[in-house]
Amino acid sequence: MSYKEYRCTTCGRLLFKGLLVDSAVEVKCRGCGNLCMFSGESKDKLICFIENCPRRKTKEDVMEEGK
């Protein structure tokens, strides 16, 4: 799994890498002191890769939603 990079909105410094799900994080940049707020993805938007999971979607399901 690859993590998303979260960077300072003022200076562009990398603050952290991660996956935020149904959450919000406030981080103070150690470079410029800017306070940055990041919101996570809704858990309903994520595709589950676990076998037999009720939220699991196939490639065809995703293609149908895009139409």
PDB file of N, CA and C in Angstrom:
ATOM      1  N   MET A   1       0.837  -1.171   0.000  1.00  0.00           N
ATOM      2  CA  MET A   1       0.000   0.000   0.000  1.00  0.00           C
ATOM      3  C   MET A   1       0.880   1.231   0.000  1.00  0.00           C
ATOM      4  N   SER A   2       0.565   2.195  -0.832  1.00  0.00           N
ATOM      5  CA  SER A   2       1.329   3.432  -0.838  1.00  0.00           C
ATOM      6  C   SER A   2       0.559   4.497  -0.067  1.00  0.00           C
ATOM      7  N   TYR A   3       1.274   5.278   0.671  1.00  0.00           N
ATOM      8  CA  TYR A   3       0.671   6.310   1.489  1.00  0.00           C
ATOM      9  C   TYR A   3       0.651   7.635   0.749  1.00  0.00           C
ATOM     10  N   LYS A   4      -0.305   8.476   1.081  1.00  0.00           N
ATOM     11  CA  LYS A   4      -0.409   9.809   0.502  1.00  0.00           C
ATOM     12  C   LYS A   4       0.537  10.738   1.263  1.00  0.00           C
ATOM     13  N   GLU A   5       1.174  11.645   0.529  1.00  0.00           N
ATOM     14  CA  GLU A   5       2.051  12.627   1.162  1.00  0.00           C
ATOM     15  C   GLU A   5       1.237  13.855   1.528  1.00  0.00           C
ATOM     16  N   TYR A   6       1.420  14.352   2.729  1.00  0.00           N
ATOM     17  CA  TYR A   6       0.756  15.572   3.192  1.00  0.00           C
ATOM     18  C   TYR A   6       1.833  16.627   3.396  1.00  0.00           C
ATOM     19  N   ARG A   7       1.692  17.737   2.669  1.00  0.00           N
ATOM     20  CA  ARG A   7       2.704  18.789   2.672  1.00  0.00           C
ATOM     21  C   ARG A   7       2.131  20.099   3.192  1.00  0.00           C
ATOM     22  N   CYS A   8       3.008  20.943   3.693  1.00  0.00           N
ATOM     23  CA  CYS A   8       2.621  22.268   4.168  1.00  0.00           C
ATOM     24  C   CYS A   8       2.046  23.064   3.004  1.00  0.00           C
ATOM     25  N   THR A   9       0.921  23.713   3.244  1.00  0.00           N
ATOM     26  CA  THR A   9       0.274  24.491   2.189  1.00  0.00           C
ATOM     27  C   THR A   9       1.003  25.803   1.917  1.00  0.00           C
ATOM     28  N   THR A  10       1.898  26.206   2.800  1.00  0.00           N
ATOM     29  CA  THR A  10       2.648  27.441   2.612  1.00  0.00           C
ATOM     30  C   THR A  10       4.021  27.203   1.983  1.00  0.00           C
ATOM     31  N   CYS A  11       4.827  26.338   2.585  1.00  0.00           N
ATOM     32  CA  CYS A  11       6.203  26.156   2.104  1.00  0.00           C
ATOM     33  C   CYS A  11       6.426  24.850   1.337  1.00  0.00           C
ATOM     34  N   GLY A  12       5.473  23.930   1.376  1.00  0.00           N
ATOM     35  CA  GLY A  12       5.598  22.686   0.625  1.00  0.00           C
ATOM     36  C   GLY A  12       6.407  21.595   1.314  1.00  0.00           C
ATOM     37  N   ARG A  13       6.825  21.837   2.538  1.00  0.00           N
ATOM     38  CA  ARG A  13       7.613  20.849   3.277  1.00  0.00           C
ATOM     39  C   ARG A  13       6.759  19.610   3.585  1.00  0.00           C
ATOM     40  N   LEU A  14       7.344  18.418   3.456  1.00  0.00           N
ATOM     41  CA  LEU A  14       6.642  17.178   3.765  1.00  0.00           C
ATOM     42  C   LEU A  14       6.402  17.111   5.273  1.00  0.00           C
ATOM     43  N   LEU A  15       5.128  16.997   5.652  1.00  0.00           N
ATOM     44  CA  LEU A  15       4.778  16.928   7.067  1.00  0.00           C
ATOM     45  C   LEU A  15       4.631  15.491   7.537  1.00  0.00           C
ATOM     46  N   PHE A  16       3.965  14.665   6.742  1.00  0.00           N
ATOM     47  CA  PHE A  16       3.834  13.246   7.068  1.00  0.00           C
ATOM     48  C   PHE A  16       3.279  12.489   5.881  1.00  0.00           C
ATOM     49  N   LYS A  17       3.396  11.169   5.943  1.00  0.00           N
ATOM     50  CA  LYS A  17       2.795  10.277   4.956  1.00  0.00           C
ATOM     51  C   LYS A  17       1.825   9.387   5.710  1.00  0.00           C
ATOM     52  N   GLY A  18       0.679   9.110   5.096  1.00  0.00           N
ATOM     53  CA  GLY A  18      -0.275   8.255   5.780  1.00  0.00           C
ATOM     54  C   GLY A  18      -1.560   8.085   5.006  1.00  0.00           C
ATOM     55  N   LEU A  19      -2.493   7.425   5.649  1.00  0.00           N
ATOM     56  CA  LEU A  19      -3.807   7.184   5.096  1.00  0.00           C
ATOM     57  C   LEU A  19      -4.809   7.615   6.155  1.00  0.00           C
ATOM     58  N   LEU A  20      -5.549   8.673   5.870  1.00  0.00           N
ATOM     59  CA  LEU A  20      -6.550   9.177   6.801  1.00  0.00           C
ATOM     60  C   LEU A  20      -7.921   8.679   6.357  1.00  0.00           C
ATOM     61  N   VAL A  21      -8.623   8.016   7.249  1.00  0.00           N
ATOM     62  CA  VAL A  21      -9.951   7.491   6.945  1.00  0.00           C
ATOM     63  C   VAL A  21     -10.920   8.032   7.993  1.00  0.00           C
ATOM     64  N   ASP A  22     -11.948   8.733   7.525  1.00  0.00           N
ATOM     65  CA  ASP A  22     -12.958   9.320   8.415  1.00  0.00           C
ATOM     66  C   ASP A  22     -12.319  10.068   9.581  1.00  0.00           C
ATOM     67  N   SER A  23     -11.350  10.922   9.279  1.00  0.00           N
ATOM     68  CA  SER A  23     -10.655  11.641  10.332  1.00  0.00           C
ATOM     69  C   SER A  23     -10.136  12.984   9.817  1.00  0.00           C
ATOM     70  N   ALA A  24      -9.646  13.776  10.741  1.00  0.00           N
ATOM     71  CA  ALA A  24      -9.017  15.048  10.399  1.00  0.00           C
ATOM     72  C   ALA A  24      -7.795  15.219  11.294  1.00  0.00           C
ATOM     73  N   VAL A  25      -6.752  15.832  10.742  1.00  0.00           N
ATOM     74  CA  VAL A  25      -5.506  16.030  11.470  1.00  0.00           C
ATOM     75  C   VAL A  25      -5.056  17.470  11.290  1.00  0.00           C
ATOM     76  N   GLU A  26      -4.600  18.067  12.371  1.00  0.00           N
ATOM     77  CA  GLU A  26      -4.041  19.414  12.326  1.00  0.00           C
ATOM     78  C   GLU A  26      -2.560  19.292  12.661  1.00  0.00           C
ATOM     79  N   VAL A  27      -1.701  19.823  11.787  1.00  0.00           N
ATOM     80  CA  VAL A  27      -0.255  19.680  11.952  1.00  0.00           C
ATOM     81  C   VAL A  27       0.397  21.050  11.803  1.00  0.00           C
ATOM     82  N   LYS A  28       1.330  21.354  12.711  1.00  0.00           N
ATOM     83  CA  LYS A  28       2.086  22.591  12.613  1.00  0.00           C
ATOM     84  C   LYS A  28       3.402  22.305  11.900  1.00  0.00           C
ATOM     85  N   CYS A  29       3.670  23.048  10.836  1.00  0.00           N
ATOM     86  CA  CYS A  29       4.899  22.871  10.067  1.00  0.00           C
ATOM     87  C   CYS A  29       6.094  23.335  10.897  1.00  0.00           C
ATOM     88  N   ARG A  30       7.095  22.482  10.997  1.00  0.00           N
ATOM     89  CA  ARG A  30       8.297  22.834  11.746  1.00  0.00           C
ATOM     90  C   ARG A  30       9.195  23.779  10.953  1.00  0.00           C
ATOM     91  N   GLY A  31       8.928  23.900   9.644  1.00  0.00           N
ATOM     92  CA  GLY A  31       9.733  24.787   8.815  1.00  0.00           C
ATOM     93  C   GLY A  31       9.303  26.240   8.915  1.00  0.00           C
ATOM     94  N   CYS A  32       8.007  26.496   8.656  1.00  0.00           N
ATOM     95  CA  CYS A  32       7.527  27.885   8.608  1.00  0.00           C
ATOM     96  C   CYS A  32       6.537  28.234   9.714  1.00  0.00           C
ATOM     97  N   GLY A  33       6.072  27.241  10.470  1.00  0.00           N
ATOM     98  CA  GLY A  33       5.157  27.496  11.572  1.00  0.00           C
ATOM     99  C   GLY A  33       3.688  27.561  11.173  1.00  0.00           C
ATOM    100  N   ASN A  34       3.378  27.326   9.893  1.00  0.00           N
ATOM    101  CA  ASN A  34       1.993  27.339   9.431  1.00  0.00           C
ATOM    102  C   ASN A  34       1.216  26.169  10.021  1.00  0.00           C
ATOM    103  N   LEU A  35      -0.053  26.411  10.392  1.00  0.00           N
ATOM    104  CA  LEU A  35      -0.911  25.365  10.913  1.00  0.00           C
ATOM    105  C   LEU A  35      -1.744  24.816   9.763  1.00  0.00           C
ATOM    106  N   CYS A  36      -1.580  23.522   9.459  1.00  0.00           N
ATOM    107  CA  CYS A  36      -2.255  22.897   8.316  1.00  0.00           C
ATOM    108  C   CYS A  36      -3.290  21.898   8.810  1.00  0.00           C
ATOM    109  N   MET A  37      -4.440  21.878   8.147  1.00  0.00           N
ATOM    110  CA  MET A  37      -5.528  20.961   8.482  1.00  0.00           C
ATOM    111  C   MET A  37      -5.754  20.028   7.306  1.00  0.00           C
ATOM    112  N   PHE A  38      -5.789  18.710   7.572  1.00  0.00           N
ATOM    113  CA  PHE A  38      -6.003  17.716   6.530  1.00  0.00           C
ATOM    114  C   PHE A  38      -7.188  16.840   6.923  1.00  0.00           C
ATOM    115  N   SER A  39      -8.059  16.554   5.954  1.00  0.00           N
ATOM    116  CA  SER A  39      -9.219  15.701   6.182  1.00  0.00           C
ATOM    117  C   SER A  39      -9.027  14.389   5.447  1.00  0.00           C
ATOM    118  N   GLY A  40      -9.536  13.323   6.039  1.00  0.00           N
ATOM    119  CA  GLY A  40      -9.409  11.996   5.448  1.00  0.00           C
ATOM    120  C   GLY A  40     -10.540  11.662   4.497  1.00  0.00           C
ATOM    121  N   GLU A  41     -10.376  10.553   3.809  1.00  0.00           N
ATOM    122  CA  GLU A  41     -11.386  10.033   2.894  1.00  0.00           C
ATOM    123  C   GLU A  41     -12.493   9.352   3.689  1.00  0.00           C
ATOM    124  N   SER A  42     -13.690   9.382   3.137  1.00  0.00           N
ATOM    125  CA  SER A  42     -14.797   8.649   3.733  1.00  0.00           C
ATOM    126  C   SER A  42     -14.545   7.157   3.546  1.00  0.00           C
ATOM    127  N   LYS A  43     -14.811   6.384   4.568  1.00  0.00           N
ATOM    128  CA  LYS A  43     -14.576   4.939   4.467  1.00  0.00           C
ATOM    129  C   LYS A  43     -15.444   4.309   3.388  1.00  0.00           C
ATOM    130  N   ASP A  44     -16.573   4.934   3.050  1.00  0.00           N
ATOM    131  CA  ASP A  44     -17.454   4.401   2.014  1.00  0.00           C
ATOM    132  C   ASP A  44     -16.874   4.563   0.611  1.00  0.00           C
ATOM    133  N   LYS A  45     -15.913   5.474   0.444  1.00  0.00           N
ATOM    134  CA  LYS A  45     -15.290   5.687  -0.863  1.00  0.00           C
ATOM    135  C   LYS A  45     -14.172   4.695  -1.151  1.00  0.00           C
ATOM    136  N   LEU A  46     -13.670   4.037  -0.121  1.00  0.00           N
ATOM    137  CA  LEU A  46     -12.527   3.156  -0.285  1.00  0.00           C
ATOM    138  C   LEU A  46     -12.962   1.779  -0.764  1.00  0.00           C
ATOM    139  N   ILE A  47     -12.151   1.179  -1.585  1.00  0.00           N
ATOM    140  CA  ILE A  47     -12.408  -0.169  -2.082  1.00  0.00           C
ATOM    141  C   ILE A  47     -11.718  -1.155  -1.156  1.00  0.00           C
ATOM    142  N   CYS A  48     -12.455  -2.131  -0.694  1.00  0.00           N
ATOM    143  CA  CYS A  48     -11.908  -3.134   0.218  1.00  0.00           C
ATOM    144  C   CYS A  48     -11.277  -4.271  -0.584  1.00  0.00           C
ATOM    145  N   PHE A  49     -10.099  -4.700  -0.193  1.00  0.00           N
ATOM    146  CA  PHE A  49      -9.398  -5.782  -0.876  1.00  0.00           C
ATOM    147  C   PHE A  49      -9.499  -7.105  -0.125  1.00  0.00           C
ATOM    148  N   ILE A  50     -10.252  -7.150   0.966  1.00  0.00           N
ATOM    149  CA  ILE A  50     -10.387  -8.365   1.769  1.00  0.00           C
ATOM    150  C   ILE A  50     -11.400  -9.299   1.119  1.00  0.00           C
ATOM    151  N   GLU A  51     -11.064 -10.578   1.004  1.00  0.00           N
ATOM    152  CA  GLU A  51     -11.964 -11.593   0.441  1.00  0.00           C
ATOM    153  C   GLU A  51     -13.266 -11.602   1.211  1.00  0.00           C
ATOM    154  N   ASN A  52     -14.366 -11.733   0.499  1.00  0.00           N
ATOM    155  CA  ASN A  52     -15.717 -11.850   1.063  1.00  0.00           C
ATOM    156  C   ASN A  52     -16.152 -10.655   1.910  1.00  0.00           C
ATOM    157  N   CYS A  53     -15.557  -9.519   1.744  1.00  0.00           N
ATOM    158  CA  CYS A  53     -15.953  -8.309   2.465  1.00  0.00           C
ATOM    159  C   CYS A  53     -17.204  -7.731   1.792  1.00  0.00           C
ATOM    160  N   PRO A  54     -18.211  -7.322   2.559  1.00  0.00           N
ATOM    161  CA  PRO A  54     -19.429  -6.781   1.949  1.00  0.00           C
ATOM    162  C   PRO A  54     -19.198  -5.461   1.201  1.00  0.00           C
ATOM    163  N   ARG A  55     -18.137  -4.727   1.510  1.00  0.00           N
ATOM    164  CA  ARG A  55     -17.836  -3.473   0.823  1.00  0.00           C
ATOM    165  C   ARG A  55     -16.929  -3.666  -0.394  1.00  0.00           C
ATOM    166  N   ARG A  56     -16.490  -4.885  -0.619  1.00  0.00           N
ATOM    167  CA  ARG A  56     -15.566  -5.145  -1.713  1.00  0.00           C
ATOM    168  C   ARG A  56     -16.220  -4.847  -3.056  1.00  0.00           C
ATOM    169  N   LYS A  57     -15.463  -4.191  -3.934  1.00  0.00           N
ATOM    170  CA  LYS A  57     -15.960  -3.858  -5.262  1.00  0.00           C
ATOM    171  C   LYS A  57     -15.045  -4.470  -6.304  1.00  0.00           C
ATOM    172  N   THR A  58     -15.637  -4.909  -7.395  1.00  0.00           N
ATOM    173  CA  THR A  58     -14.849  -5.455  -8.496  1.00  0.00           C
ATOM    174  C   THR A  58     -14.524  -4.312  -9.467  1.00  0.00           C
ATOM    175  N   LYS A  59     -13.664  -4.587 -10.406  1.00  0.00           N
ATOM    176  CA  LYS A  59     -13.310  -3.614 -11.427  1.00  0.00           C
ATOM    177  C   LYS A  59     -14.562  -3.185 -12.190  1.00  0.00           C
ATOM    178  N   GLU A  60     -15.453  -4.137 -12.441  1.00  0.00           N
ATOM    179  CA  GLU A  60     -16.685  -3.846 -13.180  1.00  0.00           C
ATOM    180  C   GLU A  60     -17.585  -2.902 -12.388  1.00  0.00           C
ATOM    181  N   ASP A  61     -17.655  -3.099 -11.065  1.00  0.00           N
ATOM    182  CA  ASP A  61     -18.457  -2.213 -10.207  1.00  0.00           C
ATOM    183  C   ASP A  61     -17.959  -0.780 -10.285  1.00  0.00           C
ATOM    184  N   VAL A  62     -16.649  -0.623 -10.231  1.00  0.00           N
ATOM    185  CA  VAL A  62     -16.042   0.703 -10.290  1.00  0.00           C
ATOM    186  C   VAL A  62     -16.294   1.358 -11.640  1.00  0.00           C
ATOM    187  N   MET A  63     -16.195   0.576 -12.717  1.00  0.00           N
ATOM    188  CA  MET A  63     -16.432   1.110 -14.059  1.00  0.00           C
ATOM    189  C   MET A  63     -17.895   1.559 -14.211  1.00  0.00           C
ATOM    190  N   GLU A  64     -18.820   0.801 -13.658  1.00  0.00           N
ATOM    191  CA  GLU A  64     -20.237   1.151 -13.724  1.00  0.00           C
ATOM    192  C   GLU A  64     -20.529   2.465 -12.988  1.00  0.00           C
ATOM    193  N   GLU A  65     -19.887   2.664 -11.834  1.00  0.00           N
ATOM    194  CA  GLU A  65     -20.094   3.890 -11.048  1.00  0.00           C
ATOM    195  C   GLU A  65     -19.558   5.109 -11.798  1.00  0.00           C
ATOM    196  N   GLY A  66     -18.540   4.921 -12.623  1.00  0.00           N
ATOM    197  CA  GLY A  66     -17.934   6.022 -13.359  1.00  0.00           C
ATOM    198  C   GLY A  66     -18.761   6.496 -14.541  1.00  0.00           C
ATOM    199  N   LYS A  67     -19.743   5.745 -14.944  1.00  0.00           N
ATOM    200  CA  LYS A  67     -20.571   6.105 -16.107  1.00  0.00           C
ATOM    201  C   LYS A  67     -21.610   7.144 -15.774  1.00  0.00           C
TER     202      LYS A  67
END
